[in-house]
PDB file of N, CA and C in Angstrom:
ATOM      1  N   UNK A   1     246.005 -22.786 -11.513  1.00  0.00           N
ATOM      2  CA  UNK A   1     245.668 -23.786 -12.203  1.00  0.00           C
ATOM      3  C   UNK A   1     245.204 -24.951 -10.847  1.00  0.00           C
ATOM      4  N   UNK A   2     243.946 -25.394 -11.423  1.00  0.00           N
ATOM      5  CA  UNK A   2     242.651 -25.933 -10.491  1.00  0.00           C
ATOM      6  C   UNK A   2     242.811 -27.486 -11.335  1.00  0.00           C
ATOM      7  N   UNK A   3     242.828 -28.482 -10.540  1.00  0.00           N
ATOM      8  CA  UNK A   3     242.422 -29.806 -11.808  1.00  0.00           C
ATOM      9  C   UNK A   3     241.062 -30.148 -10.905  1.00  0.00           C
ATOM     10  N   UNK A   4     239.953 -30.242 -11.870  1.00  0.00           N
ATOM     11  CA  UNK A   4     238.828 -30.815 -10.905  1.00  0.00           C
ATOM     12  C   UNK A   4     238.776 -32.488 -11.835  1.00  0.00           C
ATOM     13  N   UNK A   5     238.140 -33.292 -11.077  1.00  0.00           N
ATOM     14  CA  UNK A   5     237.701 -34.685 -11.828  1.00  0.00           C
ATOM     15  C   UNK A   5     236.209 -34.515 -11.966  1.00  0.00           C
ATOM     16  N   UNK A   6     236.314 -35.125 -12.624  1.00  0.00           N
ATOM     17  CA  UNK A   6     234.908 -35.646 -12.967  1.00  0.00           C
ATOM     18  C   UNK A   6     234.030 -36.827 -11.921  1.00  0.00           C
ATOM     19  N   UNK A   7     232.587 -35.988 -11.711  1.00  0.00           N
ATOM     20  CA  UNK A   7     231.892 -36.949 -11.185  1.00  0.00           C
ATOM     21  C   UNK A   7     231.324 -38.341 -11.251  1.00  0.00           C
ATOM     22  N   UNK A   8     231.215 -39.105 -10.250  1.00  0.00           N
ATOM     23  CA  UNK A   8     231.064 -40.562 -10.753  1.00  0.00           C
ATOM     24  C   UNK A   8     229.468 -40.534 -11.264  1.00  0.00           C
ATOM     25  N   UNK A   9     229.327 -41.500 -12.669  1.00  0.00           N
ATOM     26  CA  UNK A   9     228.185 -41.876 -12.802  1.00  0.00           C
ATOM     27  C   UNK A   9     227.897 -40.226 -13.964  1.00  0.00           C
ATOM     28  N   UNK A  10     228.683 -39.577 -14.436  1.00  0.00           N
ATOM     29  CA  UNK A  10     228.895 -39.002 -15.688  1.00  0.00           C
ATOM     30  C   UNK A  10     229.528 -39.523 -16.795  1.00  0.00           C
ATOM     31  N   UNK A  11     229.581 -39.170 -17.770  1.00  0.00           N
ATOM     32  CA  UNK A  11     229.425 -40.284 -19.055  1.00  0.00           C
ATOM     33  C   UNK A  11     230.449 -39.941 -19.087  1.00  0.00           C
ATOM     34  N   UNK A  12     231.879 -39.407 -19.257  1.00  0.00           N
ATOM     35  CA  UNK A  12     233.511 -40.058 -18.528  1.00  0.00           C
ATOM     36  C   UNK A  12     233.727 -39.472 -17.287  1.00  0.00           C
ATOM     37  N   UNK A  13     233.755 -41.348 -16.262  1.00  0.00           N
ATOM     38  CA  UNK A  13     233.894 -40.313 -14.748  1.00  0.00           C
ATOM     39  C   UNK A  13     235.174 -40.430 -14.888  1.00  0.00           C
ATOM     40  N   UNK A  14     237.020 -40.491 -15.732  1.00  0.00           N
ATOM     41  CA  UNK A  14     237.836 -40.566 -15.523  1.00  0.00           C
ATOM     42  C   UNK A  14     238.604 -39.430 -16.073  1.00  0.00           C
ATOM     43  N   UNK A  15     238.038 -38.441 -16.369  1.00  0.00           N
ATOM     44  CA  UNK A  15     238.256 -37.269 -17.217  1.00  0.00           C
ATOM     45  C   UNK A  15     238.567 -36.215 -16.153  1.00  0.00           C
ATOM     46  N   UNK A  16     239.679 -35.515 -15.948  1.00  0.00           N
ATOM     47  CA  UNK A  16     240.176 -34.747 -15.636  1.00  0.00           C
ATOM     48  C   UNK A  16     239.655 -33.091 -16.111  1.00  0.00           C
ATOM     49  N   UNK A  17     239.510 -32.143 -15.763  1.00  0.00           N
ATOM     50  CA  UNK A  17     239.372 -30.318 -15.681  1.00  0.00           C
ATOM     51  C   UNK A  17     240.211 -29.880 -15.774  1.00  0.00           C
ATOM     52  N   UNK A  18     241.220 -28.435 -16.666  1.00  0.00           N
ATOM     53  CA  UNK A  18     242.696 -28.468 -16.024  1.00  0.00           C
ATOM     54  C   UNK A  18     241.918 -26.883 -16.556  1.00  0.00           C
ATOM     55  N   UNK A  19     242.096 -25.866 -15.190  1.00  0.00           N
ATOM     56  CA  UNK A  19     241.245 -24.324 -15.421  1.00  0.00           C
ATOM     57  C   UNK A  19     242.784 -23.471 -14.412  1.00  0.00           C
ATOM     58  N   UNK A  20     243.587 -22.812 -15.595  1.00  0.00           N
ATOM     59  CA  UNK A  20     243.711 -21.673 -14.953  1.00  0.00           C
ATOM     60  C   UNK A  20     243.365 -20.430 -15.365  1.00  0.00           C
ATOM     61  N   UNK A  21     243.645 -19.675 -14.182  1.00  0.00           N
ATOM     62  CA  UNK A  21     243.355 -17.895 -13.942  1.00  0.00           C
ATOM     63  C   UNK A  21     244.405 -16.958 -13.620  1.00  0.00           C
ATOM     64  N   UNK A  22     245.237 -15.596 -14.660  1.00  0.00           N
ATOM     65  CA  UNK A  22     246.243 -15.574 -14.904  1.00  0.00           C
ATOM     66  C   UNK A  22     245.488 -14.719 -12.940  1.00  0.00           C
ATOM     67  N   UNK A  23     246.365 -14.178 -11.952  1.00  0.00           N
ATOM     68  CA  UNK A  23     245.682 -13.547 -11.035  1.00  0.00           C
ATOM     69  C   UNK A  23     244.776 -13.123 -10.482  1.00  0.00           C
ATOM     70  N   UNK A  24     244.172 -14.545  -9.590  1.00  0.00           N
ATOM     71  CA  UNK A  24     243.015 -15.152  -9.631  1.00  0.00           C
ATOM     72  C   UNK A  24     242.732 -14.469  -8.075  1.00  0.00           C
ATOM     73  N   UNK A  25     241.562 -12.900  -8.754  1.00  0.00           N
ATOM     74  CA  UNK A  25     240.504 -12.649  -7.045  1.00  0.00           C
ATOM     75  C   UNK A  25     239.951 -12.904  -6.890  1.00  0.00           C
ATOM     76  N   UNK A  26     238.795 -12.809  -6.205  1.00  0.00           N
ATOM     77  CA  UNK A  26     237.660 -12.323  -5.519  1.00  0.00           C
ATOM     78  C   UNK A  26     236.947 -12.289  -6.682  1.00  0.00           C
ATOM     79  N   UNK A  27     235.333 -12.190  -7.207  1.00  0.00           N
ATOM     80  CA  UNK A  27     235.151 -12.082  -8.120  1.00  0.00           C
ATOM     81  C   UNK A  27     235.413 -11.952  -9.633  1.00  0.00           C
ATOM     82  N   UNK A  28     236.034 -12.685  -9.950  1.00  0.00           N
ATOM     83  CA  UNK A  28     236.592 -13.081 -11.519  1.00  0.00           C
ATOM     84  C   UNK A  28     235.248 -14.003 -12.090  1.00  0.00           C
ATOM     85  N   UNK A  29     234.939 -13.653 -13.096  1.00  0.00           N
ATOM     86  CA  UNK A  29     234.148 -14.363 -13.773  1.00  0.00           C
ATOM     87  C   UNK A  29     234.966 -15.512 -14.759  1.00  0.00           C
ATOM     88  N   UNK A  30     233.644 -16.322 -15.550  1.00  0.00           N
ATOM     89  CA  UNK A  30     234.386 -17.578 -16.546  1.00  0.00           C
ATOM     90  C   UNK A  30     235.101 -17.081 -17.536  1.00  0.00           C
ATOM     91  N   UNK A  31     234.742 -15.729 -17.930  1.00  0.00           N
ATOM     92  CA  UNK A  31     235.438 -15.261 -19.122  1.00  0.00           C
ATOM     93  C   UNK A  31     236.713 -14.948 -18.687  1.00  0.00           C
ATOM     94  N   UNK A  32     237.259 -14.865 -17.263  1.00  0.00           N
ATOM     95  CA  UNK A  32     238.808 -14.686 -16.583  1.00  0.00           C
ATOM     96  C   UNK A  32     239.992 -15.983 -16.969  1.00  0.00           C
ATOM     97  N   UNK A  33     239.032 -16.987 -17.400  1.00  0.00           N
ATOM     98  CA  UNK A  33     239.067 -18.389 -16.761  1.00  0.00           C
ATOM     99  C   UNK A  33     239.788 -19.360 -18.433  1.00  0.00           C
ATOM    100  N   UNK A  34     240.761 -20.061 -18.119  1.00  0.00           N
ATOM    101  CA  UNK A  34     240.731 -20.689 -19.112  1.00  0.00           C
ATOM    102  C   UNK A  34     240.742 -22.367 -19.000  1.00  0.00           C
ATOM    103  N   UNK A  35     240.313 -22.963 -19.859  1.00  0.00           N
ATOM    104  CA  UNK A  35     239.900 -24.464 -19.311  1.00  0.00           C
ATOM    105  C   UNK A  35     240.554 -25.464 -20.678  1.00  0.00           C
ATOM    106  N   UNK A  36     241.450 -26.011 -20.089  1.00  0.00           N
ATOM    107  CA  UNK A  36     241.377 -27.488 -20.813  1.00  0.00           C
ATOM    108  C   UNK A  36     240.130 -28.669 -20.357  1.00  0.00           C
ATOM    109  N   UNK A  37     239.502 -29.900 -21.292  1.00  0.00           N
ATOM    110  CA  UNK A  37     239.232 -30.174 -20.899  1.00  0.00           C
ATOM    111  C   UNK A  37     238.718 -31.766 -21.324  1.00  0.00           C
ATOM    112  N   UNK A  38     238.131 -32.444 -20.650  1.00  0.00           N
ATOM    113  CA  UNK A  38     238.334 -34.084 -21.098  1.00  0.00           C
ATOM    114  C   UNK A  38     239.674 -34.572 -21.083  1.00  0.00           C
ATOM    115  N   UNK A  39     240.337 -34.536 -19.906  1.00  0.00           N
ATOM    116  CA  UNK A  39     241.919 -34.818 -19.994  1.00  0.00           C
ATOM    117  C   UNK A  39     241.769 -36.677 -19.629  1.00  0.00           C
ATOM    118  N   UNK A  40     241.966 -36.781 -20.811  1.00  0.00           N
ATOM    119  CA  UNK A  40     241.505 -38.464 -19.960  1.00  0.00           C
ATOM    120  C   UNK A  40     241.964 -39.549 -21.347  1.00  0.00           C
ATOM    121  N   UNK A  41     242.601 -40.545 -20.623  1.00  0.00           N
ATOM    122  CA  UNK A  41     242.855 -41.774 -21.990  1.00  0.00           C
ATOM    123  C   UNK A  41     242.441 -41.463 -23.374  1.00  0.00           C
ATOM    124  N   UNK A  42     240.744 -41.816 -23.437  1.00  0.00           N
ATOM    125  CA  UNK A  42     240.321 -41.903 -24.339  1.00  0.00           C
ATOM    126  C   UNK A  42     239.615 -40.461 -24.869  1.00  0.00           C
ATOM    127  N   UNK A  43     240.797 -39.258 -24.596  1.00  0.00           N
ATOM    128  CA  UNK A  43     240.284 -37.550 -25.047  1.00  0.00           C
ATOM    129  C   UNK A  43     241.372 -37.190 -25.451  1.00  0.00           C
ATOM    130  N   UNK A  44     241.477 -36.144 -24.437  1.00  0.00           N
ATOM    131  CA  UNK A  44     243.114 -35.121 -24.847  1.00  0.00           C
ATOM    132  C   UNK A  44     243.898 -36.607 -23.371  1.00  0.00           C
ATOM    133  N   UNK A  45     245.006 -36.549 -24.896  1.00  0.00           N
ATOM    134  CA  UNK A  45     246.109 -37.264 -23.693  1.00  0.00           C
ATOM    135  C   UNK A  45     246.450 -36.289 -22.755  1.00  0.00           C
ATOM    136  N   UNK A  46     247.573 -36.984 -21.339  1.00  0.00           N
ATOM    137  CA  UNK A  46     247.203 -35.759 -20.300  1.00  0.00           C
ATOM    138  C   UNK A  46     249.164 -35.817 -21.170  1.00  0.00           C
ATOM    139  N   UNK A  47     250.011 -35.436 -22.248  1.00  0.00           N
ATOM    140  CA  UNK A  47     251.260 -34.848 -22.340  1.00  0.00           C
ATOM    141  C   UNK A  47     251.070 -33.833 -23.331  1.00  0.00           C
ATOM    142  N   UNK A  48     249.406 -34.170 -24.462  1.00  0.00           N
ATOM    143  CA  UNK A  48     249.011 -32.775 -24.682  1.00  0.00           C
ATOM    144  C   UNK A  48     248.583 -31.935 -23.595  1.00  0.00           C
ATOM    145  N   UNK A  49     247.407 -31.797 -22.616  1.00  0.00           N
ATOM    146  CA  UNK A  49     246.856 -31.091 -21.664  1.00  0.00           C
ATOM    147  C   UNK A  49     248.169 -30.709 -21.147  1.00  0.00           C
ATOM    148  N   UNK A  50     249.320 -31.267 -20.854  1.00  0.00           N
ATOM    149  CA  UNK A  50     250.577 -30.614 -20.306  1.00  0.00           C
ATOM    150  C   UNK A  50     251.115 -29.625 -21.010  1.00  0.00           C
ATOM    151  N   UNK A  51     251.374 -29.941 -22.481  1.00  0.00           N
ATOM    152  CA  UNK A  51     252.241 -29.098 -23.193  1.00  0.00           C
ATOM    153  C   UNK A  51     250.857 -27.464 -23.532  1.00  0.00           C
ATOM    154  N   UNK A  52     249.950 -27.860 -23.376  1.00  0.00           N
ATOM    155  CA  UNK A  52     248.670 -26.639 -23.092  1.00  0.00           C
ATOM    156  C   UNK A  52     248.513 -25.693 -22.384  1.00  0.00           C
ATOM    157  N   UNK A  53     248.887 -26.894 -21.640  1.00  0.00           N
ATOM    158  CA  UNK A  53     248.795 -26.146 -19.994  1.00  0.00           C
ATOM    159  C   UNK A  53     250.320 -24.649 -20.134  1.00  0.00           C
ATOM    160  N   UNK A  54     251.380 -25.304 -20.314  1.00  0.00           N
ATOM    161  CA  UNK A  54     252.528 -24.487 -20.087  1.00  0.00           C
ATOM    162  C   UNK A  54     251.989 -23.284 -21.061  1.00  0.00           C
ATOM    163  N   UNK A  55     251.851 -24.035 -22.484  1.00  0.00           N
ATOM    164  CA  UNK A  55     251.234 -22.767 -22.838  1.00  0.00           C
ATOM    165  C   UNK A  55     250.827 -21.969 -22.876  1.00  0.00           C
ATOM    166  N   UNK A  56     249.941 -22.021 -22.314  1.00  0.00           N
ATOM    167  CA  UNK A  56     249.042 -20.776 -21.156  1.00  0.00           C
ATOM    168  C   UNK A  56     249.561 -19.652 -20.096  1.00  0.00           C
ATOM    169  N   UNK A  57     250.225 -21.048 -19.657  1.00  0.00           N
ATOM    170  CA  UNK A  57     250.711 -20.197 -18.618  1.00  0.00           C
ATOM    171  C   UNK A  57     251.772 -19.584 -18.711  1.00  0.00           C
ATOM    172  N   UNK A  58     252.534 -19.904 -19.850  1.00  0.00           N
ATOM    173  CA  UNK A  58     254.084 -19.118 -20.351  1.00  0.00           C
ATOM    174  C   UNK A  58     253.629 -17.761 -20.580  1.00  0.00           C
ATOM    175  N   UNK A  59     252.468 -17.669 -21.160  1.00  0.00           N
ATOM    176  CA  UNK A  59     251.952 -16.528 -22.190  1.00  0.00           C
ATOM    177  C   UNK A  59     250.728 -15.752 -21.054  1.00  0.00           C
ATOM    178  N   UNK A  60     250.550 -16.371 -20.057  1.00  0.00           N
ATOM    179  CA  UNK A  60     249.692 -15.712 -18.857  1.00  0.00           C
ATOM    180  C   UNK A  60     250.906 -14.457 -18.630  1.00  0.00           C
ATOM    181  N   UNK A  61     251.947 -15.317 -18.055  1.00  0.00           N
ATOM    182  CA  UNK A  61     252.981 -14.799 -17.170  1.00  0.00           C
ATOM    183  C   UNK A  61     253.601 -13.451 -18.085  1.00  0.00           C
ATOM    184  N   UNK A  62     253.489 -13.877 -19.075  1.00  0.00           N
ATOM    185  CA  UNK A  62     254.378 -12.529 -20.356  1.00  0.00           C
ATOM    186  C   UNK A  62     253.210 -11.475 -20.776  1.00  0.00           C
ATOM    187  N   UNK A  63     251.896 -11.712 -21.097  1.00  0.00           N
ATOM    188  CA  UNK A  63     250.783 -10.984 -21.554  1.00  0.00           C
ATOM    189  C   UNK A  63     249.968 -10.315 -19.782  1.00  0.00           C
ATOM    190  N   UNK A  64     249.831 -11.322 -18.920  1.00  0.00           N
ATOM    191  CA  UNK A  64     249.391 -10.610 -17.960  1.00  0.00           C
ATOM    192  C   UNK A  64     248.152 -10.668 -17.543  1.00  0.00           C
ATOM    193  N   UNK A  65     247.664 -12.286 -18.374  1.00  0.00           N
ATOM    194  CA  UNK A  65     245.617 -11.954 -18.514  1.00  0.00           C
ATOM    195  C   UNK A  65     245.510 -13.451 -18.830  1.00  0.00           C
ATOM    196  N   UNK A  66     244.833 -13.589 -18.728  1.00  0.00           N
ATOM    197  CA  UNK A  66     243.960 -15.401 -18.863  1.00  0.00           C
ATOM    198  C   UNK A  66     242.597 -15.340 -19.600  1.00  0.00           C
ATOM    199  N   UNK A  67     242.040 -16.803 -20.127  1.00  0.00           N
ATOM    200  CA  UNK A  67     240.818 -16.459 -20.457  1.00  0.00           C
ATOM    201  C   UNK A  67     240.815 -16.857 -22.004  1.00  0.00           C
ATOM    202  N   UNK A  68     240.005 -15.635 -22.353  1.00  0.00           N
ATOM    203  CA  UNK A  68     238.965 -14.823 -23.724  1.00  0.00           C
ATOM    204  C   UNK A  68     239.570 -15.077 -24.165  1.00  0.00           C
ATOM    205  N   UNK A  69     240.668 -13.741 -23.446  1.00  0.00           N
ATOM    206  CA  UNK A  69     241.949 -12.302 -24.334  1.00  0.00           C
ATOM    207  C   UNK A  69     242.592 -13.539 -24.277  1.00  0.00           C
ATOM    208  N   UNK A  70     243.360 -15.031 -24.437  1.00  0.00           N
ATOM    209  CA  UNK A  70     244.256 -15.784 -24.192  1.00  0.00           C
ATOM    210  C   UNK A  70     243.906 -17.267 -25.132  1.00  0.00           C
ATOM    211  N   UNK A  71     244.206 -17.255 -25.898  1.00  0.00           N
ATOM    212  CA  UNK A  71     243.460 -18.473 -26.722  1.00  0.00           C
ATOM    213  C   UNK A  71     244.956 -19.879 -26.388  1.00  0.00           C
ATOM    214  N   UNK A  72     244.324 -20.649 -26.453  1.00  0.00           N
ATOM    215  CA  UNK A  72     245.556 -21.775 -26.719  1.00  0.00           C
ATOM    216  C   UNK A  72     246.122 -22.776 -28.393  1.00  0.00           C
ATOM    217  N   UNK A  73     246.454 -21.631 -28.571  1.00  0.00           N
ATOM    218  CA  UNK A  73     247.420 -22.145 -30.062  1.00  0.00           C
ATOM    219  C   UNK A  73     248.667 -22.299 -30.044  1.00  0.00           C
ATOM    220  N   UNK A  74     248.743 -23.267 -29.286  1.00  0.00           N
ATOM    221  CA  UNK A  74     249.917 -24.006 -29.362  1.00  0.00           C
ATOM    222  C   UNK A  74     250.295 -24.250 -30.402  1.00  0.00           C
ATOM    223  N   UNK A  75     251.785 -23.481 -30.614  1.00  0.00           N
ATOM    224  CA  UNK A  75     252.441 -24.579 -31.658  1.00  0.00           C
ATOM    225  C   UNK A  75     252.804 -25.644 -32.516  1.00  0.00           C
ATOM    226  N   UNK A  76     252.900 -26.010 -33.600  1.00  0.00           N
ATOM    227  CA  UNK A  76     253.834 -27.059 -33.418  1.00  0.00           C
ATOM    228  C   UNK A  76     254.668 -27.434 -33.041  1.00  0.00           C
ATOM    229  N   UNK A  77     255.238 -28.450 -32.676  1.00  0.00           N
ATOM    230  CA  UNK A  77     256.653 -28.610 -32.257  1.00  0.00           C
ATOM    231  C   UNK A  77     256.991 -28.037 -30.577  1.00  0.00           C
ATOM    232  N   UNK A  78     255.957 -27.147 -29.950  1.00  0.00           N
ATOM    233  CA  UNK A  78     256.373 -26.058 -28.920  1.00  0.00           C
ATOM    234  C   UNK A  78     256.541 -26.936 -28.076  1.00  0.00           C
ATOM    235  N   UNK A  79     258.019 -26.368 -26.599  1.00  0.00           N
ATOM    236  CA  UNK A  79     258.236 -27.678 -26.639  1.00  0.00           C
ATOM    237  C   UNK A  79     257.958 -26.604 -24.771  1.00  0.00           C
ATOM    238  N   UNK A  80     257.633 -26.461 -24.124  1.00  0.00           N
ATOM    239  CA  UNK A  80     256.768 -25.912 -22.687  1.00  0.00           C
ATOM    240  C   UNK A  80     258.570 -25.229 -21.989  1.00  0.00           C
ATOM    241  N   UNK A  81     258.340 -23.974 -22.485  1.00  0.00           N
ATOM    242  CA  UNK A  81     259.697 -22.805 -21.180  1.00  0.00           C
ATOM    243  C   UNK A  81     261.192 -22.866 -22.012  1.00  0.00           C
ATOM    244  N   UNK A  82     261.272 -23.512 -23.417  1.00  0.00           N
ATOM    245  CA  UNK A  82     262.363 -23.736 -23.879  1.00  0.00           C
ATOM    246  C   UNK A  82     262.644 -22.553 -24.034  1.00  0.00           C
ATOM    247  N   UNK A  83     262.140 -21.198 -24.103  1.00  0.00           N
ATOM    248  CA  UNK A  83     262.412 -19.899 -23.996  1.00  0.00           C
ATOM    249  C   UNK A  83     263.369 -19.170 -23.415  1.00  0.00           C
ATOM    250  N   UNK A  84     262.483 -20.000 -22.211  1.00  0.00           N
ATOM    251  CA  UNK A  84     263.108 -19.510 -20.582  1.00  0.00           C
ATOM    252  C   UNK A  84     263.857 -19.933 -20.179  1.00  0.00           C
ATOM    253  N   UNK A  85     263.934 -21.501 -20.369  1.00  0.00           N
ATOM    254  CA  UNK A  85     265.310 -21.942 -19.889  1.00  0.00           C
ATOM    255  C   UNK A  85     266.602 -21.705 -20.764  1.00  0.00           C
ATOM    256  N   UNK A  86     266.508 -21.896 -22.609  1.00  0.00           N
ATOM    257  CA  UNK A  86     268.103 -20.845 -23.172  1.00  0.00           C
ATOM    258  C   UNK A  86     268.217 -19.872 -22.631  1.00  0.00           C
ATOM    259  N   UNK A  87     267.000 -18.807 -22.031  1.00  0.00           N
ATOM    260  CA  UNK A  87     268.068 -17.316 -21.412  1.00  0.00           C
ATOM    261  C   UNK A  87     268.788 -17.574 -20.499  1.00  0.00           C
ATOM    262  N   UNK A  88     268.442 -18.724 -19.762  1.00  0.00           N
ATOM    263  CA  UNK A  88     269.229 -18.981 -18.725  1.00  0.00           C
ATOM    264  C   UNK A  88     270.494 -19.563 -18.504  1.00  0.00           C
ATOM    265  N   UNK A  89     270.793 -20.460 -19.294  1.00  0.00           N
ATOM    266  CA  UNK A  89     272.094 -21.555 -19.882  1.00  0.00           C
ATOM    267  C   UNK A  89     272.813 -19.887 -19.955  1.00  0.00           C
TER     268      UNK A  89
END
């Protein structure tokens, strides 16, 4: 996971981009990455971005992939890693 802040002077200088790649290696191209963009008060709230990121990471670990083959279709009521915690309890 890589967090990238917007450069000053752009339309949303307080925006953050979150990039996630399963098993990153040199030579991977953009289709191997998932991006959560416009994370900021006037855009995607931090809490929702964290839920999306957790969903993507959890599914990337299970499916062993990321990017265009991994959609961020977070179901309503999704709690990050709830199933994993339940298995450990």
